[in-house]
Amino acid sequence: MRGLRALDGAPQRPVALGVVTALTAMDERQAARVCLYDDAQAVASAALKLLPIDPLEPVRWLLTVALMIDEVTREAVTITEPAALPASAAPLIEEWSLTHYLSKRRMFRA
């Protein structure tokens, strides 16, 4: 983790994920899977803060999409052109998290 500490400020998520996957010697498929699960759990965690739902509901959502995440991961690691990646919403999740981080108005606090 020395690599992350050497950076000025908090590194953006893609950099942090890259450092973690490199330090833990993950292969491409494992790294892609971690990234997808991180996106899914971020949405599930936000839903708990924004919606009056049973805390087990987001767990059900994650279990429901687990096979889809594995399928997308298998597909993604075979792609050789960035434009072909099945990630149309991933940049938006990153942008929204940065916008929320910089905002003076908080939607929720954790």
PDB file of N, CA and C in Angstrom:
ATOM      1  N   MET A   1       0.817  -1.198   0.000  1.00  0.00           N
ATOM      2  CA  MET A   1       0.000   0.000   0.000  1.00  0.00           C
ATOM      3  C   MET A   1       0.860   1.261   0.000  1.00  0.00           C
ATOM      4  N   ARG A   2       2.152   1.108   0.075  1.00  0.00           N
ATOM      5  CA  ARG A   2       3.035   2.268   0.020  1.00  0.00           C
ATOM      6  C   ARG A   2       2.808   3.085  -1.244  1.00  0.00           C
ATOM      7  N   GLY A   3       2.442   2.393  -2.342  1.00  0.00           N
ATOM      8  CA  GLY A   3       2.200   3.074  -3.605  1.00  0.00           C
ATOM      9  C   GLY A   3       1.075   4.087  -3.505  1.00  0.00           C
ATOM     10  N   LEU A   4      -0.009   3.729  -2.814  1.00  0.00           N
ATOM     11  CA  LEU A   4      -1.132   4.658  -2.646  1.00  0.00           C
ATOM     12  C   LEU A   4      -0.746   5.817  -1.744  1.00  0.00           C
ATOM     13  N   ARG A   5       0.006   5.544  -0.711  1.00  0.00           N
ATOM     14  CA  ARG A   5       0.401   6.615   0.224  1.00  0.00           C
ATOM     15  C   ARG A   5       1.346   7.620  -0.422  1.00  0.00           C
ATOM     16  N   ALA A   6       2.057   7.208  -1.444  1.00  0.00           N
ATOM     17  CA  ALA A   6       3.001   8.100  -2.116  1.00  0.00           C
ATOM     18  C   ALA A   6       2.293   9.138  -2.982  1.00  0.00           C
ATOM     19  N   LEU A   7       1.030   8.892  -3.306  1.00  0.00           N
ATOM     20  CA  LEU A   7       0.280   9.828  -4.141  1.00  0.00           C
ATOM     21  C   LEU A   7      -0.207  11.009  -3.320  1.00  0.00           C
ATOM     22  N   ASP A   8      -0.275  12.173  -3.945  1.00  0.00           N
ATOM     23  CA  ASP A   8      -0.824  13.350  -3.274  1.00  0.00           C
ATOM     24  C   ASP A   8      -2.332  13.213  -3.184  1.00  0.00           C
ATOM     25  N   GLY A   9      -2.899  13.404  -2.005  1.00  0.00           N
ATOM     26  CA  GLY A   9      -4.345  13.341  -1.832  1.00  0.00           C
ATOM     27  C   GLY A   9      -4.861  11.921  -1.991  1.00  0.00           C
ATOM     28  N   ALA A  10      -6.157  11.804  -2.076  1.00  0.00           N
ATOM     29  CA  ALA A  10      -6.791  10.497  -2.250  1.00  0.00           C
ATOM     30  C   ALA A  10      -6.788  10.144  -3.730  1.00  0.00           C
ATOM     31  N   PRO A  11      -6.262   8.993  -4.091  1.00  0.00           N
ATOM     32  CA  PRO A  11      -6.253   8.625  -5.514  1.00  0.00           C
ATOM     33  C   PRO A  11      -7.663   8.314  -6.001  1.00  0.00           C
ATOM     34  N   GLN A  12      -7.906   8.560  -7.263  1.00  0.00           N
ATOM     35  CA  GLN A  12      -9.200   8.219  -7.829  1.00  0.00           C
ATOM     36  C   GLN A  12      -9.349   6.705  -7.835  1.00  0.00           C
ATOM     37  N   ARG A  13     -10.577   6.266  -7.846  1.00  0.00           N
ATOM     38  CA  ARG A  13     -10.911   4.850  -7.730  1.00  0.00           C
ATOM     39  C   ARG A  13     -10.157   3.955  -8.719  1.00  0.00           C
ATOM     40  N   PRO A  14     -10.076   4.305 -10.009  1.00  0.00           N
ATOM     41  CA  PRO A  14      -9.352   3.420 -10.936  1.00  0.00           C
ATOM     42  C   PRO A  14      -7.885   3.217 -10.539  1.00  0.00           C
ATOM     43  N   VAL A  15      -7.258   4.270 -10.029  1.00  0.00           N
ATOM     44  CA  VAL A  15      -5.864   4.162  -9.598  1.00  0.00           C
ATOM     45  C   VAL A  15      -5.775   3.259  -8.365  1.00  0.00           C
ATOM     46  N   ALA A  16      -6.663   3.487  -7.399  1.00  0.00           N
ATOM     47  CA  ALA A  16      -6.666   2.660  -6.186  1.00  0.00           C
ATOM     48  C   ALA A  16      -6.915   1.193  -6.525  1.00  0.00           C
ATOM     49  N   LEU A  17      -7.888   0.919  -7.395  1.00  0.00           N
ATOM     50  CA  LEU A  17      -8.156  -0.463  -7.789  1.00  0.00           C
ATOM     51  C   LEU A  17      -6.956  -1.075  -8.517  1.00  0.00           C
ATOM     52  N   GLY A  18      -6.306  -0.299  -9.352  1.00  0.00           N
ATOM     53  CA  GLY A  18      -5.124  -0.800 -10.052  1.00  0.00           C
ATOM     54  C   GLY A  18      -4.002  -1.156  -9.105  1.00  0.00           C
ATOM     55  N   VAL A  19      -3.771  -0.316  -8.111  1.00  0.00           N
ATOM     56  CA  VAL A  19      -2.721  -0.597  -7.128  1.00  0.00           C
ATOM     57  C   VAL A  19      -3.065  -1.847  -6.312  1.00  0.00           C
ATOM     58  N   VAL A  20      -4.307  -1.930  -5.850  1.00  0.00           N
ATOM     59  CA  VAL A  20      -4.721  -3.092  -5.056  1.00  0.00           C
ATOM     60  C   VAL A  20      -4.622  -4.381  -5.865  1.00  0.00           C
ATOM     61  N   THR A  21      -5.096  -4.353  -7.103  1.00  0.00           N
ATOM     62  CA  THR A  21      -5.035  -5.574  -7.906  1.00  0.00           C
ATOM     63  C   THR A  21      -3.589  -5.962  -8.221  1.00  0.00           C
ATOM     64  N   ALA A  22      -2.722  -4.983  -8.413  1.00  0.00           N
ATOM     65  CA  ALA A  22      -1.308  -5.291  -8.672  1.00  0.00           C
ATOM     66  C   ALA A  22      -0.648  -5.871  -7.420  1.00  0.00           C
ATOM     67  N   LEU A  23      -0.904  -5.270  -6.270  1.00  0.00           N
ATOM     68  CA  LEU A  23      -0.284  -5.745  -5.028  1.00  0.00           C
ATOM     69  C   LEU A  23      -0.766  -7.128  -4.612  1.00  0.00           C
ATOM     70  N   THR A  24      -1.989  -7.466  -4.995  1.00  0.00           N
ATOM     71  CA  THR A  24      -2.526  -8.775  -4.637  1.00  0.00           C
ATOM     72  C   THR A  24      -2.356  -9.788  -5.765  1.00  0.00           C
ATOM     73  N   ALA A  25      -1.648  -9.393  -6.813  1.00  0.00           N
ATOM     74  CA  ALA A  25      -1.329 -10.266  -7.942  1.00  0.00           C
ATOM     75  C   ALA A  25      -2.577 -10.855  -8.609  1.00  0.00           C
ATOM     76  N   MET A  26      -3.628 -10.053  -8.708  1.00  0.00           N
ATOM     77  CA  MET A  26      -4.831 -10.513  -9.404  1.00  0.00           C
ATOM     78  C   MET A  26      -4.577 -10.558 -10.903  1.00  0.00           C
ATOM     79  N   ASP A  27      -5.209 -11.524 -11.565  1.00  0.00           N
ATOM     80  CA  ASP A  27      -5.135 -11.533 -13.017  1.00  0.00           C
ATOM     81  C   ASP A  27      -6.218 -10.603 -13.565  1.00  0.00           C
ATOM     82  N   GLU A  28      -6.288 -10.458 -14.895  1.00  0.00           N
ATOM     83  CA  GLU A  28      -7.251  -9.525 -15.511  1.00  0.00           C
ATOM     84  C   GLU A  28      -8.690  -9.842 -15.122  1.00  0.00           C
ATOM     85  N   ARG A  29      -9.023 -11.107 -15.129  1.00  0.00           N
ATOM     86  CA  ARG A  29     -10.402 -11.506 -14.830  1.00  0.00           C
ATOM     87  C   ARG A  29     -10.764 -11.183 -13.375  1.00  0.00           C
ATOM     88  N   GLN A  30      -9.872 -11.474 -12.458  1.00  0.00           N
ATOM     89  CA  GLN A  30     -10.135 -11.162 -11.055  1.00  0.00           C
ATOM     90  C   GLN A  30     -10.268  -9.651 -10.847  1.00  0.00           C
ATOM     91  N   ALA A  31      -9.405  -8.883 -11.495  1.00  0.00           N
ATOM     92  CA  ALA A  31      -9.464  -7.424 -11.362  1.00  0.00           C
ATOM     93  C   ALA A  31     -10.776  -6.878 -11.919  1.00  0.00           C
ATOM     94  N   ALA A  32     -11.197  -7.386 -13.073  1.00  0.00           N
ATOM     95  CA  ALA A  32     -12.463  -6.935 -13.661  1.00  0.00           C
ATOM     96  C   ALA A  32     -13.637  -7.291 -12.757  1.00  0.00           C
ATOM     97  N   ARG A  33     -13.602  -8.474 -12.191  1.00  0.00           N
ATOM     98  CA  ARG A  33     -14.689  -8.926 -11.299  1.00  0.00           C
ATOM     99  C   ARG A  33     -14.762  -8.055 -10.046  1.00  0.00           C
ATOM    100  N   VAL A  34     -13.610  -7.741  -9.464  1.00  0.00           N
ATOM    101  CA  VAL A  34     -13.581  -6.874  -8.279  1.00  0.00           C
ATOM    102  C   VAL A  34     -14.169  -5.510  -8.616  1.00  0.00           C
ATOM    103  N   CYS A  35     -13.807  -4.976  -9.767  1.00  0.00           N
ATOM    104  CA  CYS A  35     -14.310  -3.668 -10.186  1.00  0.00           C
ATOM    105  C   CYS A  35     -15.833  -3.695 -10.346  1.00  0.00           C
ATOM    106  N   LEU A  36     -16.356  -4.734 -10.990  1.00  0.00           N
ATOM    107  CA  LEU A  36     -17.804  -4.835 -11.187  1.00  0.00           C
ATOM    108  C   LEU A  36     -18.547  -5.013  -9.865  1.00  0.00           C
ATOM    109  N   TYR A  37     -18.016  -5.849  -8.987  1.00  0.00           N
ATOM    110  CA  TYR A  37     -18.656  -6.019  -7.682  1.00  0.00           C
ATOM    111  C   TYR A  37     -18.599  -4.725  -6.876  1.00  0.00           C
ATOM    112  N   ASP A  38     -17.503  -3.975  -7.012  1.00  0.00           N
ATOM    113  CA  ASP A  38     -17.396  -2.701  -6.301  1.00  0.00           C
ATOM    114  C   ASP A  38     -18.463  -1.725  -6.787  1.00  0.00           C
ATOM    115  N   ASP A  39     -18.693  -1.683  -8.096  1.00  0.00           N
ATOM    116  CA  ASP A  39     -19.767  -0.839  -8.634  1.00  0.00           C
ATOM    117  C   ASP A  39     -21.124  -1.269  -8.092  1.00  0.00           C
ATOM    118  N   ALA A  40     -21.375  -2.581  -8.120  1.00  0.00           N
ATOM    119  CA  ALA A  40     -22.676  -3.095  -7.671  1.00  0.00           C
ATOM    120  C   ALA A  40     -22.905  -2.836  -6.186  1.00  0.00           C
ATOM    121  N   GLN A  41     -21.879  -3.046  -5.365  1.00  0.00           N
ATOM    122  CA  GLN A  41     -22.064  -2.817  -3.934  1.00  0.00           C
ATOM    123  C   GLN A  41     -22.201  -1.334  -3.614  1.00  0.00           C
ATOM    124  N   ALA A  42     -21.589  -0.466  -4.424  1.00  0.00           N
ATOM    125  CA  ALA A  42     -21.736   0.974  -4.208  1.00  0.00           C
ATOM    126  C   ALA A  42     -23.188   1.401  -4.423  1.00  0.00           C
ATOM    127  N   VAL A  43     -23.805   0.867  -5.458  1.00  0.00           N
ATOM    128  CA  VAL A  43     -25.215   1.168  -5.736  1.00  0.00           C
ATOM    129  C   VAL A  43     -26.094   0.587  -4.625  1.00  0.00           C
ATOM    130  N   ALA A  44     -25.803  -0.632  -4.205  1.00  0.00           N
ATOM    131  CA  ALA A  44     -26.582  -1.266  -3.134  1.00  0.00           C
ATOM    132  C   ALA A  44     -26.465  -0.491  -1.827  1.00  0.00           C
ATOM    133  N   SER A  45     -25.263  -0.038  -1.506  1.00  0.00           N
ATOM    134  CA  SER A  45     -25.057   0.743  -0.278  1.00  0.00           C
ATOM    135  C   SER A  45     -25.788   2.077  -0.328  1.00  0.00           C
ATOM    136  N   ALA A  46     -25.747   2.723  -1.479  1.00  0.00           N
ATOM    137  CA  ALA A  46     -26.451   3.999  -1.628  1.00  0.00           C
ATOM    138  C   ALA A  46     -27.957   3.797  -1.495  1.00  0.00           C
ATOM    139  N   ALA A  47     -28.465   2.704  -2.047  1.00  0.00           N
ATOM    140  CA  ALA A  47     -29.905   2.430  -1.962  1.00  0.00           C
ATOM    141  C   ALA A  47     -30.350   2.307  -0.506  1.00  0.00           C
ATOM    142  N   LEU A  48     -29.525   1.698   0.317  1.00  0.00           N
ATOM    143  CA  LEU A  48     -29.863   1.568   1.742  1.00  0.00           C
ATOM    144  C   LEU A  48     -30.001   2.926   2.427  1.00  0.00           C
ATOM    145  N   LYS A  49     -29.215   3.883   1.961  1.00  0.00           N
ATOM    146  CA  LYS A  49     -29.239   5.214   2.569  1.00  0.00           C
ATOM    147  C   LYS A  49     -30.355   6.091   2.012  1.00  0.00           C
ATOM    148  N   LEU A  50     -30.795   5.789   0.797  1.00  0.00           N
ATOM    149  CA  LEU A  50     -31.765   6.642   0.121  1.00  0.00           C
ATOM    150  C   LEU A  50     -33.194   6.103   0.123  1.00  0.00           C
ATOM    151  N   LEU A  51     -33.346   4.797   0.304  1.00  0.00           N
ATOM    152  CA  LEU A  51     -34.669   4.183   0.206  1.00  0.00           C
ATOM    153  C   LEU A  51     -35.056   3.482   1.503  1.00  0.00           C
ATOM    154  N   PRO A  52     -36.323   3.501   1.835  1.00  0.00           N
ATOM    155  CA  PRO A  52     -36.768   2.790   3.039  1.00  0.00           C
ATOM    156  C   PRO A  52     -36.968   1.292   2.731  1.00  0.00           C
ATOM    157  N   ILE A  53     -35.867   0.566   2.635  1.00  0.00           N
ATOM    158  CA  ILE A  53     -35.941  -0.846   2.262  1.00  0.00           C
ATOM    159  C   ILE A  53     -35.310  -1.723   3.341  1.00  0.00           C
ATOM    160  N   ASP A  54     -35.694  -2.981   3.317  1.00  0.00           N
ATOM    161  CA  ASP A  54     -35.103  -3.978   4.199  1.00  0.00           C
ATOM    162  C   ASP A  54     -33.614  -4.099   3.854  1.00  0.00           C
ATOM    163  N   PRO A  55     -32.724  -4.106   4.840  1.00  0.00           N
ATOM    164  CA  PRO A  55     -31.285  -4.205   4.563  1.00  0.00           C
ATOM    165  C   PRO A  55     -30.884  -5.457   3.781  1.00  0.00           C
ATOM    166  N   LEU A  56     -31.718  -6.479   3.802  1.00  0.00           N
ATOM    167  CA  LEU A  56     -31.398  -7.681   3.034  1.00  0.00           C
ATOM    168  C   LEU A  56     -31.711  -7.536   1.549  1.00  0.00           C
ATOM    169  N   GLU A  57     -32.510  -6.545   1.190  1.00  0.00           N
ATOM    170  CA  GLU A  57     -32.893  -6.368  -0.215  1.00  0.00           C
ATOM    171  C   GLU A  57     -31.682  -6.132  -1.124  1.00  0.00           C
ATOM    172  N   PRO A  58     -30.771  -5.226  -0.777  1.00  0.00           N
ATOM    173  CA  PRO A  58     -29.588  -5.050  -1.631  1.00  0.00           C
ATOM    174  C   PRO A  58     -28.714  -6.307  -1.713  1.00  0.00           C
ATOM    175  N   VAL A  59     -28.710  -7.104  -0.657  1.00  0.00           N
ATOM    176  CA  VAL A  59     -27.975  -8.367  -0.706  1.00  0.00           C
ATOM    177  C   VAL A  59     -28.600  -9.271  -1.769  1.00  0.00           C
ATOM    178  N   ARG A  60     -29.924  -9.298  -1.801  1.00  0.00           N
ATOM    179  CA  ARG A  60     -30.617 -10.086  -2.834  1.00  0.00           C
ATOM    180  C   ARG A  60     -30.259  -9.586  -4.234  1.00  0.00           C
ATOM    181  N   TRP A  61     -30.195  -8.257  -4.384  1.00  0.00           N
ATOM    182  CA  TRP A  61     -29.837  -7.689  -5.684  1.00  0.00           C
ATOM    183  C   TRP A  61     -28.454  -8.184  -6.112  1.00  0.00           C
ATOM    184  N   LEU A  62     -27.501  -8.123  -5.189  1.00  0.00           N
ATOM    185  CA  LEU A  62     -26.141  -8.541  -5.525  1.00  0.00           C
ATOM    186  C   LEU A  62     -26.083 -10.024  -5.880  1.00  0.00           C
ATOM    187  N   LEU A  63     -26.824 -10.835  -5.139  1.00  0.00           N
ATOM    188  CA  LEU A  63     -26.861 -12.264  -5.460  1.00  0.00           C
ATOM    189  C   LEU A  63     -27.508 -12.501  -6.819  1.00  0.00           C
ATOM    190  N   THR A  64     -28.497 -11.690  -7.150  1.00  0.00           N
ATOM    191  CA  THR A  64     -29.186 -11.820  -8.436  1.00  0.00           C
ATOM    192  C   THR A  64     -28.264 -11.475  -9.605  1.00  0.00           C
ATOM    193  N   VAL A  65     -27.411 -10.486  -9.434  1.00  0.00           N
ATOM    194  CA  VAL A  65     -26.539 -10.075 -10.543  1.00  0.00           C
ATOM    195  C   VAL A  65     -25.186 -10.780 -10.546  1.00  0.00           C
ATOM    196  N   ALA A  66     -24.942 -11.646  -9.567  1.00  0.00           N
ATOM    197  CA  ALA A  66     -23.632 -12.312  -9.470  1.00  0.00           C
ATOM    198  C   ALA A  66     -23.269 -13.063 -10.750  1.00  0.00           C
ATOM    199  N   LEU A  67     -24.203 -13.837 -11.286  1.00  0.00           N
ATOM    200  CA  LEU A  67     -23.908 -14.579 -12.515  1.00  0.00           C
ATOM    201  C   LEU A  67     -23.686 -13.646 -13.699  1.00  0.00           C
ATOM    202  N   MET A  68     -24.435 -12.550 -13.741  1.00  0.00           N
ATOM    203  CA  MET A  68     -24.255 -11.568 -14.814  1.00  0.00           C
ATOM    204  C   MET A  68     -22.869 -10.928 -14.711  1.00  0.00           C
ATOM    205  N   ILE A  69     -22.439 -10.633 -13.503  1.00  0.00           N
ATOM    206  CA  ILE A  69     -21.106 -10.054 -13.308  1.00  0.00           C
ATOM    207  C   ILE A  69     -20.039 -11.028 -13.805  1.00  0.00           C
ATOM    208  N   ASP A  70     -20.187 -12.298 -13.485  1.00  0.00           N
ATOM    209  CA  ASP A  70     -19.227 -13.290 -13.962  1.00  0.00           C
ATOM    210  C   ASP A  70     -19.226 -13.373 -15.487  1.00  0.00           C
ATOM    211  N   GLU A  71     -20.409 -13.309 -16.095  1.00  0.00           N
ATOM    212  CA  GLU A  71     -20.521 -13.379 -17.552  1.00  0.00           C
ATOM    213  C   GLU A  71     -19.878 -12.154 -18.212  1.00  0.00           C
ATOM    214  N   VAL A  72     -20.168 -10.974 -17.695  1.00  0.00           N
ATOM    215  CA  VAL A  72     -19.592  -9.747 -18.251  1.00  0.00           C
ATOM    216  C   VAL A  72     -18.075  -9.758 -18.073  1.00  0.00           C
ATOM    217  N   THR A  73     -17.614 -10.266 -16.940  1.00  0.00           N
ATOM    218  CA  THR A  73     -16.168 -10.360 -16.690  1.00  0.00           C
ATOM    219  C   THR A  73     -15.497 -11.254 -17.728  1.00  0.00           C
ATOM    220  N   ARG A  74     -16.076 -12.425 -17.974  1.00  0.00           N
ATOM    221  CA  ARG A  74     -15.510 -13.334 -18.983  1.00  0.00           C
ATOM    222  C   ARG A  74     -15.450 -12.664 -20.352  1.00  0.00           C
ATOM    223  N   GLU A  75     -16.509 -11.944 -20.689  1.00  0.00           N
ATOM    224  CA  GLU A  75     -16.562 -11.251 -21.981  1.00  0.00           C
ATOM    225  C   GLU A  75     -15.546 -10.110 -22.041  1.00  0.00           C
ATOM    226  N   ALA A  76     -15.461  -9.339 -20.979  1.00  0.00           N
ATOM    227  CA  ALA A  76     -14.607  -8.145 -20.981  1.00  0.00           C
ATOM    228  C   ALA A  76     -13.132  -8.467 -21.160  1.00  0.00           C
ATOM    229  N   VAL A  77     -12.660  -9.555 -20.562  1.00  0.00           N
ATOM    230  CA  VAL A  77     -11.227  -9.845 -20.654  1.00  0.00           C
ATOM    231  C   VAL A  77     -10.797 -10.364 -22.028  1.00  0.00           C
ATOM    232  N   THR A  78     -11.757 -10.661 -22.894  1.00  0.00           N
ATOM    233  CA  THR A  78     -11.406 -11.097 -24.252  1.00  0.00           C
ATOM    234  C   THR A  78     -11.380  -9.940 -25.240  1.00  0.00           C
ATOM    235  N   ILE A  79     -11.834  -8.784 -24.822  1.00  0.00           N
ATOM    236  CA  ILE A  79     -11.933  -7.620 -25.707  1.00  0.00           C
ATOM    237  C   ILE A  79     -10.563  -6.959 -25.863  1.00  0.00           C
ATOM    238  N   THR A  80     -10.254  -6.552 -27.079  1.00  0.00           N
ATOM    239  CA  THR A  80      -8.953  -5.928 -27.350  1.00  0.00           C
ATOM    240  C   THR A  80      -9.063  -4.441 -27.690  1.00  0.00           C
ATOM    241  N   GLU A  81     -10.268  -3.951 -27.954  1.00  0.00           N
ATOM    242  CA  GLU A  81     -10.474  -2.541 -28.292  1.00  0.00           C
ATOM    243  C   GLU A  81     -11.288  -1.861 -27.188  1.00  0.00           C
ATOM    244  N   PRO A  82     -10.830  -0.749 -26.623  1.00  0.00           N
ATOM    245  CA  PRO A  82     -11.558  -0.071 -25.546  1.00  0.00           C
ATOM    246  C   PRO A  82     -13.010   0.262 -25.892  1.00  0.00           C
ATOM    247  N   ALA A  83     -13.282   0.614 -27.137  1.00  0.00           N
ATOM    248  CA  ALA A  83     -14.652   0.975 -27.529  1.00  0.00           C
ATOM    249  C   ALA A  83     -15.617  -0.201 -27.412  1.00  0.00           C
ATOM    250  N   ALA A  84     -15.100  -1.411 -27.390  1.00  0.00           N
ATOM    251  CA  ALA A  84     -15.952  -2.603 -27.329  1.00  0.00           C
ATOM    252  C   ALA A  84     -16.266  -3.034 -25.892  1.00  0.00           C
ATOM    253  N   LEU A  85     -15.661  -2.379 -24.904  1.00  0.00           N
ATOM    254  CA  LEU A  85     -15.921  -2.757 -23.510  1.00  0.00           C
ATOM    255  C   LEU A  85     -17.384  -2.532 -23.147  1.00  0.00           C
ATOM    256  N   PRO A  86     -17.996  -3.480 -22.447  1.00  0.00           N
ATOM    257  CA  PRO A  86     -19.412  -3.339 -22.053  1.00  0.00           C
ATOM    258  C   PRO A  86     -19.530  -2.500 -20.786  1.00  0.00           C
ATOM    259  N   ALA A  87     -19.164  -1.218 -20.872  1.00  0.00           N
ATOM    260  CA  ALA A  87     -19.098  -0.387 -19.673  1.00  0.00           C
ATOM    261  C   ALA A  87     -19.701   0.990 -19.893  1.00  0.00           C
ATOM    262  N   SER A  88     -20.888   1.052 -20.450  1.00  0.00           N
ATOM    263  CA  SER A  88     -21.464   2.361 -20.773  1.00  0.00           C
ATOM    264  C   SER A  88     -21.792   3.189 -19.534  1.00  0.00           C
ATOM    265  N   ALA A  89     -22.067   2.559 -18.396  1.00  0.00           N
ATOM    266  CA  ALA A  89     -22.434   3.316 -17.194  1.00  0.00           C
ATOM    267  C   ALA A  89     -21.275   3.497 -16.224  1.00  0.00           C
ATOM    268  N   ALA A  90     -20.241   2.688 -16.309  1.00  0.00           N
ATOM    269  CA  ALA A  90     -19.143   2.761 -15.343  1.00  0.00           C
ATOM    270  C   ALA A  90     -18.513   4.151 -15.245  1.00  0.00           C
ATOM    271  N   PRO A  91     -18.245   4.831 -16.365  1.00  0.00           N
ATOM    272  CA  PRO A  91     -17.694   6.185 -16.222  1.00  0.00           C
ATOM    273  C   PRO A  91     -18.650   7.132 -15.485  1.00  0.00           C
ATOM    274  N   LEU A  92     -19.947   6.923 -15.640  1.00  0.00           N
ATOM    275  CA  LEU A  92     -20.904   7.776 -14.936  1.00  0.00           C
ATOM    276  C   LEU A  92     -20.851   7.544 -13.432  1.00  0.00           C
ATOM    277  N   ILE A  93     -20.710   6.301 -12.998  1.00  0.00           N
ATOM    278  CA  ILE A  93     -20.606   6.017 -11.562  1.00  0.00           C
ATOM    279  C   ILE A  93     -19.395   6.739 -10.981  1.00  0.00           C
ATOM    280  N   GLU A  94     -18.283   6.691 -11.692  1.00  0.00           N
ATOM    281  CA  GLU A  94     -17.069   7.375 -11.229  1.00  0.00           C
ATOM    282  C   GLU A  94     -17.300   8.888 -11.183  1.00  0.00           C
ATOM    283  N   GLU A  95     -17.891   9.430 -12.233  1.00  0.00           N
ATOM    284  CA  GLU A  95     -18.149  10.877 -12.278  1.00  0.00           C
ATOM    285  C   GLU A  95     -19.097  11.298 -11.155  1.00  0.00           C
ATOM    286  N   TRP A  96     -20.165  10.526 -10.932  1.00  0.00           N
ATOM    287  CA  TRP A  96     -21.122  10.867  -9.877  1.00  0.00           C
ATOM    288  C   TRP A  96     -20.457  10.835  -8.497  1.00  0.00           C
ATOM    289  N   SER A  97     -19.593   9.855  -8.274  1.00  0.00           N
ATOM    290  CA  SER A  97     -18.944   9.785  -6.962  1.00  0.00           C
ATOM    291  C   SER A  97     -18.028  10.982  -6.753  1.00  0.00           C
ATOM    292  N   LEU A  98     -17.317  11.399  -7.796  1.00  0.00           N
ATOM    293  CA  LEU A  98     -16.445  12.573  -7.674  1.00  0.00           C
ATOM    294  C   LEU A  98     -17.256  13.854  -7.497  1.00  0.00           C
ATOM    295  N   THR A  99     -18.361  13.970  -8.219  1.00  0.00           N
ATOM    296  CA  THR A  99     -19.233  15.143  -8.078  1.00  0.00           C
ATOM    297  C   THR A  99     -19.789  15.218  -6.654  1.00  0.00           C
ATOM    298  N   HIS A 100     -20.231  14.075  -6.131  1.00  0.00           N
ATOM    299  CA  HIS A 100     -20.773  14.045  -4.773  1.00  0.00           C
ATOM    300  C   HIS A 100     -19.688  14.382  -3.754  1.00  0.00           C
ATOM    301  N   TYR A 101     -18.492  13.875  -3.960  1.00  0.00           N
ATOM    302  CA  TYR A 101     -17.381  14.128  -3.045  1.00  0.00           C
ATOM    303  C   TYR A 101     -17.057  15.624  -2.974  1.00  0.00           C
ATOM    304  N   LEU A 102     -17.116  16.303  -4.122  1.00  0.00           N
ATOM    305  CA  LEU A 102     -16.774  17.724  -4.176  1.00  0.00           C
ATOM    306  C   LEU A 102     -17.936  18.647  -3.820  1.00  0.00           C
ATOM    307  N   SER A 103     -19.139  18.100  -3.757  1.00  0.00           N
ATOM    308  CA  SER A 103     -20.322  18.909  -3.480  1.00  0.00           C
ATOM    309  C   SER A 103     -20.378  19.339  -2.022  1.00  0.00           C
ATOM    310  N   LYS A 104     -20.871  20.538  -1.798  1.00  0.00           N
ATOM    311  CA  LYS A 104     -21.068  21.021  -0.420  1.00  0.00           C
ATOM    312  C   LYS A 104     -22.362  20.445   0.143  1.00  0.00           C
ATOM    313  N   ARG A 105     -23.283  20.098  -0.725  1.00  0.00           N
ATOM    314  CA  ARG A 105     -24.572  19.503  -0.307  1.00  0.00           C
ATOM    315  C   ARG A 105     -24.464  17.990  -0.367  1.00  0.00           C
ATOM    316  N   ARG A 106     -24.739  17.348   0.733  1.00  0.00           N
ATOM    317  CA  ARG A 106     -24.644  15.903   0.806  1.00  0.00           C
ATOM    318  C   ARG A 106     -26.006  15.257   0.644  1.00  0.00           C
ATOM    319  N   MET A 107     -26.040  14.187  -0.165  1.00  0.00           N
ATOM    320  CA  MET A 107     -27.275  13.409  -0.282  1.00  0.00           C
ATOM    321  C   MET A 107     -27.439  12.539   0.950  1.00  0.00           C
ATOM    322  N   PHE A 108     -26.345  12.047   1.465  1.00  0.00           N
ATOM    323  CA  PHE A 108     -26.353  11.226   2.662  1.00  0.00           C
ATOM    324  C   PHE A 108     -24.952  11.212   3.256  1.00  0.00           C
ATOM    325  N   ARG A 109     -24.865  10.829   4.492  1.00  0.00           N
ATOM    326  CA  ARG A 109     -23.570  10.706   5.162  1.00  0.00           C
ATOM    327  C   ARG A 109     -23.425   9.275   5.642  1.00  0.00           C
ATOM    328  N   ALA A 110     -22.228   8.745   5.466  1.00  0.00           N
ATOM    329  CA  ALA A 110     -21.973   7.376   5.931  1.00  0.00           C
ATOM    330  C   ALA A 110     -20.810   7.359   6.876  1.00  0.00           C
TER     331      ALA A 110
END
